[in-house]
Protein backbone atom coordinates (compact mmCIF):
# COMPACT_ATOMS: atom_id res chain seq x y z
CA MET A 1 36.24 -32.87 14.97
CA LYS A 2 36.23 -29.79 12.41
CA ILE A 3 39.33 -27.88 11.43
CA ILE A 4 39.03 -24.65 9.62
CA PRO A 5 41.66 -22.24 8.40
CA ILE A 6 40.79 -19.00 9.35
CA GLU A 7 42.62 -16.01 7.09
CA THR A 8 42.93 -12.62 8.86
CA GLY A 9 44.29 -10.69 5.69
CA ARG A 10 47.83 -10.15 4.70
CA PHE A 11 50.60 -7.74 5.43
CA LYS A 12 53.93 -7.03 4.03
CA LEU A 13 57.37 -7.30 5.55
CA ASP A 14 60.90 -6.87 4.44
CA GLY A 15 62.46 -9.67 2.64
CA GLY A 16 65.94 -9.51 4.03
CA ALA A 17 64.56 -9.44 7.40
CA MET A 18 62.23 -12.57 6.61
CA PHE A 19 65.20 -14.57 5.14
CA GLY A 20 68.36 -13.64 7.50
CA VAL A 21 71.45 -14.47 5.61
CA ILE A 22 69.99 -15.70 2.68
CA PRO A 23 71.00 -13.47 -0.38
CA LYS A 24 68.07 -11.57 -1.88
CA THR A 25 69.21 -13.46 -5.43
CA ILE A 26 68.33 -16.82 -3.99
CA TRP A 27 65.02 -15.92 -1.81
CA GLN A 28 63.33 -13.56 -4.56
CA LYS A 29 63.36 -16.57 -6.90
CA MET A 30 60.57 -18.08 -4.46
CA ILE A 31 58.89 -14.93 -3.52
CA PRO A 32 59.57 -11.80 -5.11
CA ALA A 33 59.94 -8.56 -3.57
CA ASP A 34 58.36 -5.04 -4.42
CA ASP A 35 60.11 -2.06 -5.19
CA ASN A 36 60.45 -1.40 -1.37
CA ASN A 37 62.34 -4.86 -0.97
CA LEU A 38 58.93 -5.86 0.69
CA CYS A 39 57.07 -9.30 0.09
CA SER A 40 53.45 -10.51 0.83
CA TRP A 41 52.69 -12.87 3.66
CA GLY A 42 49.53 -14.27 5.00
CA MET A 43 48.11 -14.36 8.57
CA ARG A 44 46.36 -17.67 8.99
CA CYS A 45 45.02 -18.91 12.06
CA LEU A 46 43.27 -22.09 12.81
CA LEU A 47 39.97 -22.93 13.99
CA ILE A 48 39.52 -26.50 15.82
CA ASP A 49 35.80 -27.59 17.02
CA THR A 50 35.95 -30.62 19.10
CA GLY A 51 32.25 -30.20 19.64
CA ASP A 52 32.93 -29.43 23.52
CA GLN A 53 35.61 -26.99 22.70
CA ARG A 54 36.01 -24.33 19.68
CA ILE A 55 39.69 -23.67 20.04
CA LEU A 56 41.51 -20.83 17.86
CA ILE A 57 45.07 -20.59 17.43
CA ASP A 58 46.25 -17.19 16.90
CA THR A 59 44.21 -14.11 16.19
CA GLY A 60 46.07 -12.24 13.42
CA LEU A 61 47.07 -8.26 13.75
CA GLY A 62 43.49 -6.97 14.67
CA ASP A 63 42.65 -3.40 14.27
CA LYS A 64 43.30 -1.59 17.39
CA GLN A 65 46.40 0.47 16.23
CA ASP A 66 46.36 3.45 14.42
CA GLU A 67 46.93 4.54 10.64
CA ARG A 68 50.60 5.42 11.13
CA PHE A 69 51.29 1.83 12.78
CA PHE A 70 49.46 0.15 9.95
CA SER A 71 50.95 2.08 7.17
CA HIS A 72 54.14 0.33 7.81
CA TYR A 73 52.78 -3.25 6.96
CA PHE A 74 50.50 -2.37 3.77
CA LEU A 75 47.77 -4.40 4.80
CA HIS A 76 45.70 -5.94 1.85
CA GLY A 77 43.47 -9.06 1.19
CA ASN A 78 39.50 -8.96 1.94
CA GLU A 79 39.78 -11.45 4.89
CA THR A 80 39.46 -10.41 8.69
CA LEU A 81 39.66 -12.33 11.87
CA LEU A 82 35.85 -11.68 12.48
CA SER A 83 34.64 -12.13 8.68
CA SER A 84 36.30 -15.36 8.37
CA LEU A 85 35.03 -16.93 11.75
CA GLN A 86 31.68 -15.36 10.16
CA ASN A 87 31.88 -17.20 7.09
CA ALA A 88 32.71 -20.22 8.85
CA GLY A 89 29.77 -20.08 10.87
CA TYR A 90 30.96 -18.91 14.38
CA SER A 91 30.58 -15.84 16.17
CA THR A 92 33.02 -14.42 19.03
CA GLU A 93 30.91 -15.97 21.73
CA ASP A 94 31.02 -19.35 20.32
CA ILE A 95 35.15 -19.40 20.97
CA THR A 96 35.96 -21.37 24.33
CA ASP A 97 39.63 -21.23 24.21
CA VAL A 98 42.27 -18.96 22.35
CA ILE A 99 45.93 -20.36 22.20
CA LEU A 100 48.46 -17.70 21.43
CA THR A 101 51.59 -19.10 20.37
CA HIS A 102 53.58 -15.82 21.26
CA PHE A 103 52.63 -12.33 21.76
CA HIS A 104 54.33 -10.54 18.68
CA PHE A 105 51.46 -8.29 17.15
CA ASP A 106 50.73 -10.13 14.14
CA HIS A 107 49.81 -13.10 16.05
CA VAL A 108 47.82 -11.61 19.21
CA GLY A 109 46.49 -8.40 17.91
CA GLY A 110 43.01 -9.94 17.43
CA ALA A 111 42.72 -11.20 20.94
CA VAL A 112 41.70 -7.89 22.30
CA ARG A 113 39.38 -5.31 20.69
CA LYS A 114 38.99 -1.69 21.23
CA ASP A 115 35.48 -0.27 21.43
CA GLU A 116 34.36 3.35 20.38
CA LYS A 117 35.11 4.90 23.59
CA GLY A 118 38.53 3.30 23.18
CA THR A 119 37.93 0.59 25.95
CA LEU A 120 40.11 -2.47 25.90
CA SER A 121 38.46 -6.06 26.01
CA PRO A 122 38.99 -9.59 25.19
CA THR A 123 37.53 -10.08 21.52
CA PHE A 124 36.10 -13.46 22.48
CA PRO A 125 34.07 -12.88 25.90
CA ASN A 126 33.45 -16.57 26.88
CA ALA A 127 37.21 -17.56 26.11
CA LYS A 128 40.03 -18.80 28.01
CA TYR A 129 43.32 -17.59 26.74
CA TRP A 130 46.41 -19.63 26.81
CA THR A 131 50.17 -18.62 27.07
CA THR A 132 53.15 -19.50 29.33
CA GLN A 133 54.26 -17.60 32.45
CA LYS A 134 57.69 -17.29 31.17
CA HIS A 135 56.43 -15.67 27.59
CA TYR A 136 54.05 -13.28 29.41
CA ASP A 137 56.83 -12.02 31.63
CA TRP A 138 59.47 -11.79 28.53
CA ALA A 139 56.69 -9.95 26.60
CA TYR A 140 55.88 -7.49 29.40
CA GLU A 141 59.57 -6.52 29.78
CA PRO A 142 60.58 -6.75 26.37
CA ASN A 143 64.32 -6.78 25.09
CA ALA A 144 65.11 -3.84 22.72
CA ARG A 145 65.09 -6.20 19.78
CA GLU A 146 61.80 -7.30 20.53
CA ARG A 147 60.13 -4.19 21.75
CA ALA A 148 58.23 -3.03 18.84
CA SER A 149 56.78 -6.51 18.49
CA PHE A 150 55.30 -6.61 22.06
CA LEU A 151 52.19 -4.30 22.33
CA LYS A 152 50.91 -4.43 26.00
CA GLU A 153 47.57 -3.23 24.61
CA ASN A 154 47.50 -6.80 22.77
CA PHE A 155 47.95 -9.02 26.10
CA VAL A 156 47.68 -6.94 29.47
CA PRO A 157 44.11 -6.54 28.97
CA LEU A 158 43.58 -10.33 28.86
CA LYS A 159 45.28 -10.56 32.24
CA ASP A 160 43.39 -7.57 33.66
CA ALA A 161 40.09 -9.17 32.64
CA GLY A 162 41.09 -12.53 34.36
CA VAL A 163 40.90 -14.63 31.24
CA LEU A 164 44.55 -15.29 30.90
CA HIS A 165 45.75 -18.75 31.75
CA TYR A 166 49.33 -20.58 31.68
CA VAL A 167 50.15 -23.72 30.00
CA PRO A 168 52.95 -25.80 31.92
CA GLU A 169 55.94 -25.37 30.15
CA VAL A 170 56.62 -29.04 29.66
CA GLN A 171 57.55 -30.37 26.18
CA SER A 172 54.88 -32.34 24.59
CA HIS A 173 52.35 -31.09 27.22
CA GLN A 174 49.01 -32.91 26.66
CA TRP A 175 46.64 -29.85 26.73
CA ASN A 176 43.62 -31.92 25.78
CA ASP A 177 42.46 -35.03 24.51
CA PHE A 178 43.62 -34.06 20.90
CA ILE A 179 46.20 -31.22 21.40
CA LYS A 180 49.69 -31.35 22.53
CA ILE A 181 51.71 -28.17 22.86
CA ARG A 182 55.27 -28.29 22.08
CA PHE A 183 57.82 -25.37 22.70
CA SER A 184 60.25 -23.52 20.72
CA TYR A 185 62.85 -20.66 21.99
CA GLY A 186 64.82 -19.71 18.73
CA HIS A 187 62.23 -17.19 17.60
CA THR A 188 61.21 -15.89 20.76
CA GLU A 189 61.17 -16.98 24.41
CA SER A 190 58.72 -20.33 25.30
CA MET A 191 56.74 -20.12 21.74
CA MET A 192 54.12 -22.64 21.61
CA LEU A 193 53.49 -25.12 18.80
CA PRO A 194 50.26 -27.12 19.00
CA GLU A 195 50.46 -30.28 17.79
CA ILE A 196 46.84 -31.80 16.83
CA LYS A 197 45.92 -35.39 16.09
CA VAL A 198 43.27 -35.03 13.88
CA ASN A 199 42.73 -38.78 13.43
CA ASP A 200 44.76 -41.91 13.34
CA ASP A 201 46.16 -40.90 10.00
CA VAL A 202 46.90 -37.25 10.33
CA THR A 203 48.67 -35.17 12.78
CA LEU A 204 49.08 -31.52 12.24
CA ILE A 205 51.38 -29.08 13.73
CA TYR A 206 50.98 -25.18 13.69
CA VAL A 207 54.27 -24.27 13.48
CA ALA A 208 53.96 -20.53 14.00
CA ASP A 209 57.23 -18.76 13.28
CA LEU A 210 59.41 -21.68 13.66
CA ILE A 211 58.76 -22.31 10.13
CA PRO A 212 56.55 -19.27 9.01
CA SER A 213 56.28 -20.43 5.24
CA SER A 214 56.92 -23.05 2.94
CA HIS A 215 59.95 -20.97 1.87
CA HIS A 216 61.51 -21.49 5.24
CA VAL A 217 61.87 -25.25 5.23
CA GLY A 218 65.82 -25.32 4.56
CA LEU A 219 67.72 -25.22 7.50
CA PRO A 220 69.66 -21.85 7.18
CA TYR A 221 66.40 -20.05 5.99
CA ILE A 222 65.76 -18.27 9.43
CA MET A 223 64.08 -14.97 10.09
CA GLY A 224 66.31 -12.28 11.18
CA TYR A 225 63.52 -11.43 13.65
CA ASP A 226 64.82 -14.69 15.57
CA ILE A 227 66.08 -13.61 18.89
CA ARG A 228 68.33 -16.62 18.68
CA ALA A 229 68.89 -17.90 15.13
CA LEU A 230 71.35 -20.77 16.16
CA VAL A 231 68.99 -22.08 18.71
CA THR A 232 66.23 -21.89 15.71
CA LEU A 233 68.65 -23.91 13.71
CA GLU A 234 69.19 -26.51 16.29
CA GLU A 235 65.53 -26.92 16.90
CA LYS A 236 64.57 -27.11 13.27
CA THR A 237 66.88 -29.75 12.40
CA PRO A 238 65.58 -32.73 14.61
CA PHE A 239 61.87 -31.30 14.57
CA LEU A 240 61.74 -31.56 10.58
CA THR A 241 63.60 -34.98 10.80
CA GLU A 242 60.80 -36.32 13.35
CA VAL A 243 58.05 -34.88 10.88
CA ALA A 244 59.34 -36.62 7.82
CA GLN A 245 59.76 -39.70 9.50
CA LYS A 246 56.62 -39.83 11.26
CA GLY A 247 54.76 -38.42 8.38
CA TYR A 248 53.19 -35.28 10.41
CA TYR A 249 51.92 -32.29 8.27
CA LEU A 250 52.94 -28.75 9.07
CA PHE A 251 50.15 -25.88 9.10
CA LEU A 252 51.63 -22.67 7.71
CA GLU A 253 50.60 -19.27 9.34
CA HIS A 254 52.69 -16.71 7.18
CA ASP A 255 52.76 -18.32 3.44
CA GLU A 256 50.19 -16.59 1.29
CA ASP A 257 49.51 -19.38 -0.89
CA THR A 258 50.25 -22.81 0.84
CA GLU A 259 48.51 -24.04 3.91
CA CYS A 260 49.90 -27.22 4.71
CA ILE A 261 53.10 -29.22 3.75
CA SER A 262 54.70 -32.52 4.32
CA ILE A 263 58.40 -33.09 4.47
CA LYS A 264 60.60 -35.64 3.23
CA LEU A 265 64.41 -36.08 3.66
CA ASP A 266 66.84 -36.24 0.76
CA THR A 267 69.53 -38.57 -0.12
CA ARG A 268 72.06 -36.51 2.46
CA GLY A 269 69.36 -36.43 4.84
CA ARG A 270 68.30 -33.09 4.79
CA PRO A 271 64.64 -32.00 4.95
CA GLU A 272 62.63 -30.82 1.87
CA ILE A 273 59.27 -30.50 0.94
CA ASP A 274 57.38 -33.31 0.09
CA LYS A 275 53.93 -32.26 -0.86
CA ARG A 276 51.89 -28.94 -0.81
CA LEU A 277 48.14 -28.90 0.04
CA SER A 278 45.20 -27.24 1.31
CA LEU A 279 43.86 -28.18 4.60
CA SER A 280 40.66 -29.34 2.96
CA GLU A 281 42.70 -31.61 0.62
CA LEU A 282 44.49 -33.02 3.63
CA LEU A 283 41.46 -33.95 5.77
CA SER A 284 39.41 -35.17 2.55
CA GLY A 285 42.29 -37.35 1.79
CA SER A 286 42.66 -38.92 5.54
């Protein structure tokens, strides 16, 4: 099995929105903001090549929207979804499956491409795309809080093309021989968290926006974007305890500098970071 991080570029978001109730005097010591109170974040996807399947988890922001839309997010960095795949030795035709953790634009934007005529089609023509029925319905009829994050051009063309498939919404659903799907409901409805059994020593969980960065491990560090902050808190507490006790690793989507972390519990049983490491360091040591 090959597991490869796929960097798709970086963007900026308001620091206060990213840290919720945590005061700026605290979070800015971890990640400094610019003069507009914006912090820089990654959009890191994951490619898993099992030999039989080439599975991409999330697709970044994409490039379909207009200049006005992108101007709000100050895109930077040299990587794109397609360039990172190419650098890893893969083409869009090689991908067999795309697991979309949820349909917020920075996770699903690259799933659909627009040609020079303005026609929308799946970016990965040979792939099955995976979500849940509940999340599709949630995104298709969005609430006012999330409406700006759910852009129909990012996911409706997948259904129209007949390539969208639904994962049964059962906790720890065994999706294939190597991947289980967990579910989370605090950030948005029915967000999927793929749990990858790399080998007997390493289990890696793609935590999407449950823990978007290493700066969000502390229990009250919850994004203002979450639709149910207290549910996120209720989810993080047992989840991080389990991760610490079982020695699992977390793959971070939005952390600009850190790809993977492990967790330990302090003397009061609270989760904290044990190790920060790149995916290559994690895999080479296993």
